[in-house]
Amino acid sequence: MGLFSLFTKEIAMDLGTANTVIIHNDKVVVDEPSIVAIERRSGKIIAVGKRAQMMHGKTHENIKTIRPLRDGVIADFQAAEYMMREMIKMIPGRKTMLPQSLRMVICIPSGITEVEERAVKDSAEQAGAKDVRLIHEPMAAAIGIGIDVMEPTGNMIIDIGGGTSEIAVIALGGIVTNESIRIAGDDFNADIEEYMKKQHNINIGERTAERIKIEVGAAVTELDSPPPDYAVHGRDMLTGIPKEILVNYSEIAHCLDKSISKIETAVIHALEMTPPELSADIYRTGIYLAGGGGLLRGLDKRLHNKTKLPVHVAEDPLRAVARGTGIALKNFEKFTFLIK
């Protein structure tokens, strides 16, 4: 393996709508927002990741920021390829004299089409990968949480990312029941933007909406340890002058209610489709929450109230999928039939 590793660099990538995480040698080496900044006239890419994120919503006419992924799939092929290439360059490590071939395992939403799968593979190959394999997000999340996916026991995973929410029942190394909906973190941000306009007559951007979601976002209107009110700055829609207002978690819970209800409906539908023997297992094991959406305050409580099942939030849910992809890469032979 020592000699082989001189010529091959193996990386696991969670190519997310909101964030891209790369794991190399069992360590998270890159964790950056999935965004690029481009100069309009020349088409030259001037920033990727955190630097591009800082420009988002603040650009002049010669610079535009692009999020190459929408709803978990590649929307801008060229920008996705460049973003991957630049993020691979960010991986620290010794440079060898000989060119290294790149082997990648990338996780993808379980509900995407073959054409969308092909786009992910093509982008990775254009970014320099020689061998590209794909693994479904709920499977990667289950492995990352520490579930033995090969066991004949049913486990339900809910992975709420930036673009998609993946709900899957996993047993014997396969996805038995699968529900993939395009309602996730981005929709929560859009709900917050809309609410601020209607309720407070204040215009805010995507980044501010994301900040509100992190600081005071909640799925229920009553929390045991509520976060303090958050000061929001934006443009007054009547006067056009910048202003500040305070928002609390319960009004954000109200504005997110519609989107969270859609996720609840998808969870119920997935449970309805589950074979009875696996339903019996899920009654014992409960539901596992992963992805950035798992960090939303009170979401576990709300899902428990809806399903009457125990709901466990994964440790570091934001990186659960990336961790699982890394484990699948490391144990390639064991998980061969899970990886396409």
Protein backbone atom coordinates (compact mmCIF):
# COMPACT_ATOMS: atom_id res chain seq x y z
CA MET A 1 0.00 0.00 0.00
CA GLY A 2 2.95 2.32 0.74
CA LEU A 3 4.26 2.24 -2.82
CA PHE A 4 0.74 2.35 -4.27
CA SER A 5 -0.06 5.48 -2.23
CA LEU A 6 2.90 7.28 -3.84
CA PHE A 7 1.13 7.10 -7.19
CA THR A 8 -2.50 7.36 -6.02
CA LYS A 9 -4.18 10.00 -3.90
CA GLU A 10 -7.48 8.78 -2.44
CA ILE A 11 -10.08 11.33 -1.37
CA ALA A 12 -13.69 11.23 -0.21
CA MET A 13 -15.89 14.17 -1.12
CA ASP A 14 -19.26 15.30 0.18
CA LEU A 15 -20.23 17.54 -2.72
CA GLY A 16 -23.03 19.48 -1.07
CA THR A 17 -25.33 22.25 -2.24
CA ALA A 18 -24.21 24.49 0.66
CA ASN A 19 -20.80 23.07 1.67
CA THR A 20 -18.18 20.76 0.20
CA VAL A 21 -16.17 18.59 2.60
CA ILE A 22 -13.10 16.60 1.53
CA ILE A 23 -11.57 13.81 3.60
CA HIS A 24 -8.03 12.58 2.94
CA ASN A 25 -6.13 10.09 5.15
CA ASP A 26 -9.12 9.92 7.58
CA LYS A 27 -8.98 13.68 8.21
CA VAL A 28 -11.23 16.54 7.11
CA VAL A 29 -8.79 18.56 5.03
CA VAL A 30 -11.22 20.90 3.23
CA ASP A 31 -14.53 22.28 4.50
CA GLU A 32 -15.63 25.17 2.32
CA PRO A 33 -18.91 26.71 1.07
CA SER A 34 -19.87 25.44 -2.41
CA ILE A 35 -19.57 28.77 -4.19
CA VAL A 36 -17.33 30.41 -6.79
CA ALA A 37 -16.80 34.06 -7.79
CA ILE A 38 -16.29 34.81 -11.50
CA GLU A 39 -15.14 37.90 -13.39
CA ARG A 40 -17.86 38.48 -16.01
CA ARG A 41 -15.71 40.00 -18.78
CA SER A 42 -12.93 37.42 -18.87
CA GLY A 43 -14.86 34.47 -17.37
CA LYS A 44 -11.91 34.01 -14.98
CA ILE A 45 -12.62 32.48 -11.56
CA ILE A 46 -11.30 34.82 -8.87
CA ALA A 47 -12.33 33.05 -5.64
CA VAL A 48 -13.64 29.72 -4.37
CA GLY A 49 -15.15 28.69 -1.03
CA LYS A 50 -14.99 31.05 1.96
CA ARG A 51 -13.48 33.95 -0.05
CA ALA A 52 -16.25 33.69 -2.65
CA GLN A 53 -18.86 33.39 0.13
CA MET A 54 -17.69 36.73 1.57
CA MET A 55 -18.39 38.33 -1.83
CA HIS A 56 -21.86 36.75 -2.19
CA GLY A 57 -24.55 39.46 -2.38
CA LYS A 58 -21.93 42.23 -2.36
CA THR A 59 -20.64 42.14 -5.94
CA HIS A 60 -20.50 44.88 -8.59
CA GLU A 61 -21.43 44.33 -12.24
CA ASN A 62 -18.06 42.81 -13.24
CA ILE A 63 -18.14 40.05 -10.59
CA LYS A 64 -20.81 37.40 -10.13
CA THR A 65 -21.01 34.63 -7.54
CA ILE A 66 -22.31 31.21 -8.57
CA ARG A 67 -23.40 28.26 -6.50
CA PRO A 68 -22.68 25.39 -8.93
CA LEU A 69 -25.08 23.00 -7.18
CA ARG A 70 -28.82 23.45 -6.78
CA ASP A 71 -31.10 20.93 -5.07
CA GLY A 72 -28.18 18.54 -4.62
CA VAL A 73 -27.34 18.35 -8.34
CA ILE A 74 -24.92 20.19 -10.61
CA ALA A 75 -26.57 23.26 -12.14
CA ASP A 76 -23.42 24.85 -13.60
CA PHE A 77 -21.10 22.20 -15.04
CA GLN A 78 -18.08 24.46 -15.67
CA ALA A 79 -18.20 26.20 -12.28
CA ALA A 80 -18.59 22.80 -10.50
CA GLU A 81 -15.53 21.43 -12.30
CA TYR A 82 -13.43 24.47 -11.40
CA MET A 83 -14.64 24.44 -7.79
CA MET A 84 -13.68 20.76 -7.43
CA ARG A 85 -10.28 21.37 -9.02
CA GLU A 86 -9.49 24.30 -6.70
CA MET A 87 -10.70 22.49 -3.58
CA ILE A 88 -8.57 19.45 -4.44
CA LYS A 89 -5.57 21.85 -4.65
CA MET A 90 -6.38 23.01 -1.09
CA ILE A 91 -5.58 19.52 0.29
CA PRO A 92 -2.38 19.87 2.35
CA GLY A 93 0.38 17.27 2.07
CA ARG A 94 3.74 16.57 0.60
CA LYS A 95 4.13 17.05 -3.10
CA THR A 96 5.67 14.09 -4.90
CA MET A 97 7.94 14.35 -7.93
CA LEU A 98 5.72 11.91 -9.82
CA PRO A 99 2.19 12.90 -10.88
CA GLN A 100 -0.40 11.23 -8.64
CA SER A 101 -3.59 9.73 -10.05
CA LEU A 102 -6.71 10.65 -8.12
CA ARG A 103 -9.23 8.13 -6.81
CA MET A 104 -12.47 9.64 -5.50
CA VAL A 105 -15.64 8.53 -3.76
CA ILE A 106 -18.33 11.22 -4.00
CA CYS A 107 -21.68 11.08 -2.26
CA ILE A 108 -24.83 11.99 -4.18
CA PRO A 109 -28.54 12.38 -3.31
CA SER A 110 -30.44 9.10 -3.62
CA GLY A 111 -33.18 10.68 -5.74
CA ILE A 112 -31.05 11.97 -8.63
CA THR A 113 -31.34 10.71 -12.21
CA GLU A 114 -28.70 8.82 -14.20
CA VAL A 115 -28.01 11.97 -16.26
CA GLU A 116 -27.36 13.95 -13.04
CA GLU A 117 -25.09 11.13 -11.77
CA ARG A 118 -23.17 11.27 -15.05
CA ALA A 119 -22.72 15.05 -14.61
CA VAL A 120 -21.10 14.50 -11.18
CA LYS A 121 -18.75 11.83 -12.60
CA ASP A 122 -17.85 13.97 -15.62
CA SER A 123 -17.12 17.02 -13.45
CA ALA A 124 -14.85 14.96 -11.18
CA GLU A 125 -13.03 13.45 -14.18
CA GLN A 126 -12.57 16.90 -15.72
CA ALA A 127 -11.16 18.05 -12.35
CA GLY A 128 -8.45 15.36 -12.64
CA ALA A 129 -9.90 12.17 -11.10
CA LYS A 130 -8.95 8.90 -12.80
CA ASP A 131 -11.34 6.66 -10.85
CA VAL A 132 -14.65 8.10 -9.62
CA ARG A 133 -17.18 6.16 -7.53
CA LEU A 134 -20.50 7.35 -6.15
CA ILE A 135 -22.30 6.52 -2.91
CA HIS A 136 -25.80 7.58 -1.90
CA GLU A 137 -26.03 10.21 0.85
CA PRO A 138 -28.31 8.30 3.30
CA MET A 139 -25.98 5.29 3.10
CA ALA A 140 -22.92 7.50 3.70
CA ALA A 141 -24.73 9.23 6.60
CA ALA A 142 -25.59 5.86 8.19
CA ILE A 143 -21.96 4.69 7.93
CA GLY A 144 -20.77 8.07 9.30
CA ILE A 145 -23.12 7.86 12.31
CA GLY A 146 -21.63 4.46 13.17
CA ILE A 147 -24.52 2.19 12.14
CA ASP A 148 -23.56 -1.29 10.91
CA VAL A 149 -25.35 -1.07 7.55
CA MET A 150 -24.66 -4.74 6.74
CA GLU A 151 -26.78 -6.03 9.63
CA PRO A 152 -30.29 -7.41 8.94
CA THR A 153 -31.72 -4.61 11.14
CA GLY A 154 -33.75 -1.67 9.84
CA ASN A 155 -32.48 1.86 10.52
CA MET A 156 -34.12 5.08 9.38
CA ILE A 157 -31.89 8.00 8.38
CA ILE A 158 -33.04 11.56 7.72
CA ASP A 159 -30.30 13.63 6.09
CA ILE A 160 -31.32 17.29 5.68
CA GLY A 161 -28.74 19.12 3.60
CA GLY A 162 -28.74 22.42 1.72
CA GLY A 163 -30.65 21.29 -1.36
CA THR A 164 -32.33 17.98 -0.55
CA SER A 165 -33.76 16.05 2.38
CA GLU A 166 -33.04 12.33 2.10
CA ILE A 167 -35.19 9.92 4.09
CA ALA A 168 -34.16 6.28 3.82
CA VAL A 169 -34.64 2.96 5.57
CA ILE A 170 -31.44 0.92 5.40
CA ALA A 171 -30.93 -2.81 5.99
CA LEU A 172 -28.50 -5.49 4.73
CA GLY A 173 -26.27 -2.95 3.02
CA GLY A 174 -29.02 -1.49 0.86
CA ILE A 175 -31.68 1.22 0.77
CA VAL A 176 -35.06 -0.50 1.21
CA THR A 177 -37.32 2.56 1.27
CA ASN A 178 -36.26 5.91 -0.04
CA GLU A 179 -37.88 9.34 -0.13
CA SER A 180 -35.86 12.25 -1.55
CA ILE A 181 -37.45 15.71 -1.52
CA ARG A 182 -36.03 19.01 -2.69
CA ILE A 183 -36.97 20.87 0.50
CA ALA A 184 -33.99 21.61 2.74
CA GLY A 185 -31.72 24.33 4.16
CA ASP A 186 -31.96 26.61 1.08
CA ASP A 187 -35.76 26.58 1.35
CA PHE A 188 -35.53 27.49 5.04
CA ASN A 189 -33.39 30.50 4.03
CA ALA A 190 -35.92 31.50 1.35
CA ASP A 191 -38.76 31.22 3.92
CA ILE A 192 -36.88 33.53 6.30
CA GLU A 193 -36.23 36.10 3.52
CA GLU A 194 -39.92 36.05 2.57
CA TYR A 195 -41.06 36.34 6.19
CA MET A 196 -38.80 39.36 6.83
CA LYS A 197 -40.30 41.14 3.81
CA LYS A 198 -43.91 40.44 4.70
CA GLN A 199 -43.76 40.76 8.47
CA HIS A 200 -41.09 43.40 9.08
CA ASN A 201 -40.88 45.25 5.72
CA ILE A 202 -37.15 44.60 5.64
CA ASN A 203 -35.16 43.29 2.71
CA ILE A 204 -32.37 40.85 3.61
CA GLY A 205 -29.97 38.72 1.56
CA GLU A 206 -29.31 34.98 1.46
CA ARG A 207 -26.30 35.22 3.79
CA THR A 208 -28.28 37.15 6.43
CA ALA A 209 -31.12 34.60 6.21
CA GLU A 210 -28.58 31.79 6.77
CA ARG A 211 -27.18 33.69 9.78
CA ILE A 212 -30.70 34.09 11.27
CA LYS A 213 -31.32 30.35 10.79
CA ILE A 214 -28.08 29.51 12.64
CA GLU A 215 -28.58 32.04 15.47
CA VAL A 216 -32.33 31.75 16.18
CA GLY A 217 -33.64 29.04 13.84
CA ALA A 218 -36.07 26.58 15.44
CA ALA A 219 -38.64 23.96 14.46
CA VAL A 220 -40.87 24.40 17.53
CA THR A 221 -42.28 27.55 19.16
CA GLU A 222 -41.35 26.45 22.69
CA LEU A 223 -37.78 25.53 23.60
CA ASP A 224 -36.35 24.57 27.00
CA SER A 225 -33.24 26.72 26.52
CA PRO A 226 -34.14 29.40 23.96
CA PRO A 227 -31.43 31.40 22.17
CA PRO A 228 -31.30 35.19 22.78
CA ASP A 229 -33.05 37.48 20.28
CA TYR A 230 -30.96 38.26 17.21
CA ALA A 231 -30.41 41.73 15.70
CA VAL A 232 -31.04 41.68 11.93
CA HIS A 233 -29.77 44.41 9.63
CA GLY A 234 -31.29 45.04 6.22
CA ARG A 235 -32.94 47.61 3.95
CA ASP A 236 -36.27 49.13 4.95
CA MET A 237 -38.62 48.45 2.03
CA LEU A 238 -40.61 51.68 2.58
CA THR A 239 -37.81 54.22 3.11
CA GLY A 240 -34.89 52.39 1.49
CA ILE A 241 -32.75 53.20 4.53
CA PRO A 242 -30.79 50.45 6.36
CA LYS A 243 -32.34 49.49 9.69
CA GLU A 244 -32.10 47.00 12.54
CA ILE A 245 -34.83 44.80 14.00
CA LEU A 246 -34.81 42.08 16.66
CA VAL A 247 -36.17 38.61 15.86
CA ASN A 248 -36.80 35.71 18.23
CA TYR A 249 -36.76 31.96 17.70
CA SER A 250 -40.55 31.46 17.95
CA GLU A 251 -41.33 33.73 14.97
CA ILE A 252 -38.67 31.90 12.92
CA ALA A 253 -40.30 28.60 13.97
CA HIS A 254 -43.61 29.95 12.61
CA CYS A 255 -42.06 30.98 9.29
CA LEU A 256 -40.31 27.58 8.81
CA ASP A 257 -43.44 25.61 9.71
CA LYS A 258 -44.62 25.01 6.12
CA SER A 259 -41.29 23.60 4.88
CA ILE A 260 -40.79 21.42 7.97
CA SER A 261 -44.35 20.06 7.53
CA LYS A 262 -43.36 18.88 4.03
CA ILE A 263 -40.37 17.03 5.51
CA GLU A 264 -42.66 15.47 8.15
CA THR A 265 -45.06 14.32 5.40
CA ALA A 266 -42.15 12.69 3.52
CA VAL A 267 -41.04 10.92 6.74
CA ILE A 268 -44.56 9.56 7.30
CA HIS A 269 -44.72 8.43 3.65
CA ALA A 270 -41.36 6.62 3.96
CA LEU A 271 -42.62 4.88 7.14
CA GLU A 272 -45.82 3.82 5.33
CA MET A 273 -43.74 2.21 2.56
CA THR A 274 -41.48 0.30 4.98
CA PRO A 275 -41.90 -3.51 5.18
CA PRO A 276 -43.47 -4.54 8.52
CA GLU A 277 -40.41 -6.45 9.82
CA LEU A 278 -38.25 -3.37 9.33
CA SER A 279 -40.94 -1.17 10.92
CA ALA A 280 -40.60 -3.33 14.04
CA ASP A 281 -36.83 -2.65 14.03
CA ILE A 282 -37.33 1.12 13.59
CA TYR A 283 -39.70 1.13 16.57
CA ARG A 284 -36.74 -0.10 18.65
CA THR A 285 -33.85 1.78 16.98
CA GLY A 286 -35.67 5.05 16.23
CA ILE A 287 -34.79 7.71 13.66
CA TYR A 288 -31.32 9.19 13.09
CA LEU A 289 -30.95 12.84 12.05
CA ALA A 290 -27.92 13.97 10.02
CA GLY A 291 -26.95 16.90 7.79
CA GLY A 292 -26.94 20.62 8.62
CA GLY A 293 -30.73 20.55 9.07
CA GLY A 294 -30.22 18.24 12.05
CA LEU A 295 -28.81 21.25 13.92
CA LEU A 296 -32.15 23.11 13.76
CA ARG A 297 -33.32 23.57 17.34
CA GLY A 298 -36.25 21.37 18.33
CA LEU A 299 -36.43 19.44 15.04
CA ASP A 300 -35.81 16.14 16.86
CA LYS A 301 -38.60 17.01 19.34
CA ARG A 302 -41.01 17.90 16.50
CA LEU A 303 -40.31 14.66 14.59
CA HIS A 304 -40.72 12.68 17.82
CA ASN A 305 -44.13 14.33 18.42
CA LYS A 306 -45.18 13.49 14.86
CA THR A 307 -43.95 9.87 14.71
CA LYS A 308 -43.88 8.92 18.44
CA LEU A 309 -40.48 7.31 17.70
CA PRO A 310 -37.16 8.08 19.43
CA VAL A 311 -35.16 10.61 17.36
CA HIS A 312 -31.36 10.74 17.72
CA VAL A 313 -29.30 13.66 16.38
CA ALA A 314 -25.95 12.45 15.03
CA GLU A 315 -22.74 13.66 16.61
CA ASP A 316 -21.50 16.53 14.39
CA PRO A 317 -24.41 16.05 11.94
CA LEU A 318 -22.90 18.51 9.45
CA ARG A 319 -20.02 16.12 8.70
CA ALA A 320 -21.76 12.75 9.15
CA VAL A 321 -22.11 12.21 5.37
CA ALA A 322 -18.48 13.19 4.73
CA ARG A 323 -17.28 10.86 7.54
CA GLY A 324 -19.27 7.97 6.07
CA THR A 325 -17.89 8.64 2.58
CA GLY A 326 -14.37 8.57 4.08
CA ILE A 327 -15.04 5.25 5.83
CA ALA A 328 -16.46 3.79 2.58
CA LEU A 329 -13.29 4.89 0.75
CA LYS A 330 -11.03 3.36 3.40
CA ASN A 331 -12.98 0.05 3.43
CA PHE A 332 -13.45 0.00 -0.33
CA GLU A 333 -13.53 -3.80 -0.62
CA LYS A 334 -16.09 -4.20 2.19
CA PHE A 335 -18.45 -1.59 0.73
CA THR A 336 -17.87 -2.36 -2.97
CA PHE A 337 -21.51 -3.13 -3.69
CA LEU A 338 -22.63 0.12 -2.00
CA ILE A 339 -20.37 2.17 -4.24
CA LYS A 340 -21.23 2.62 -7.90
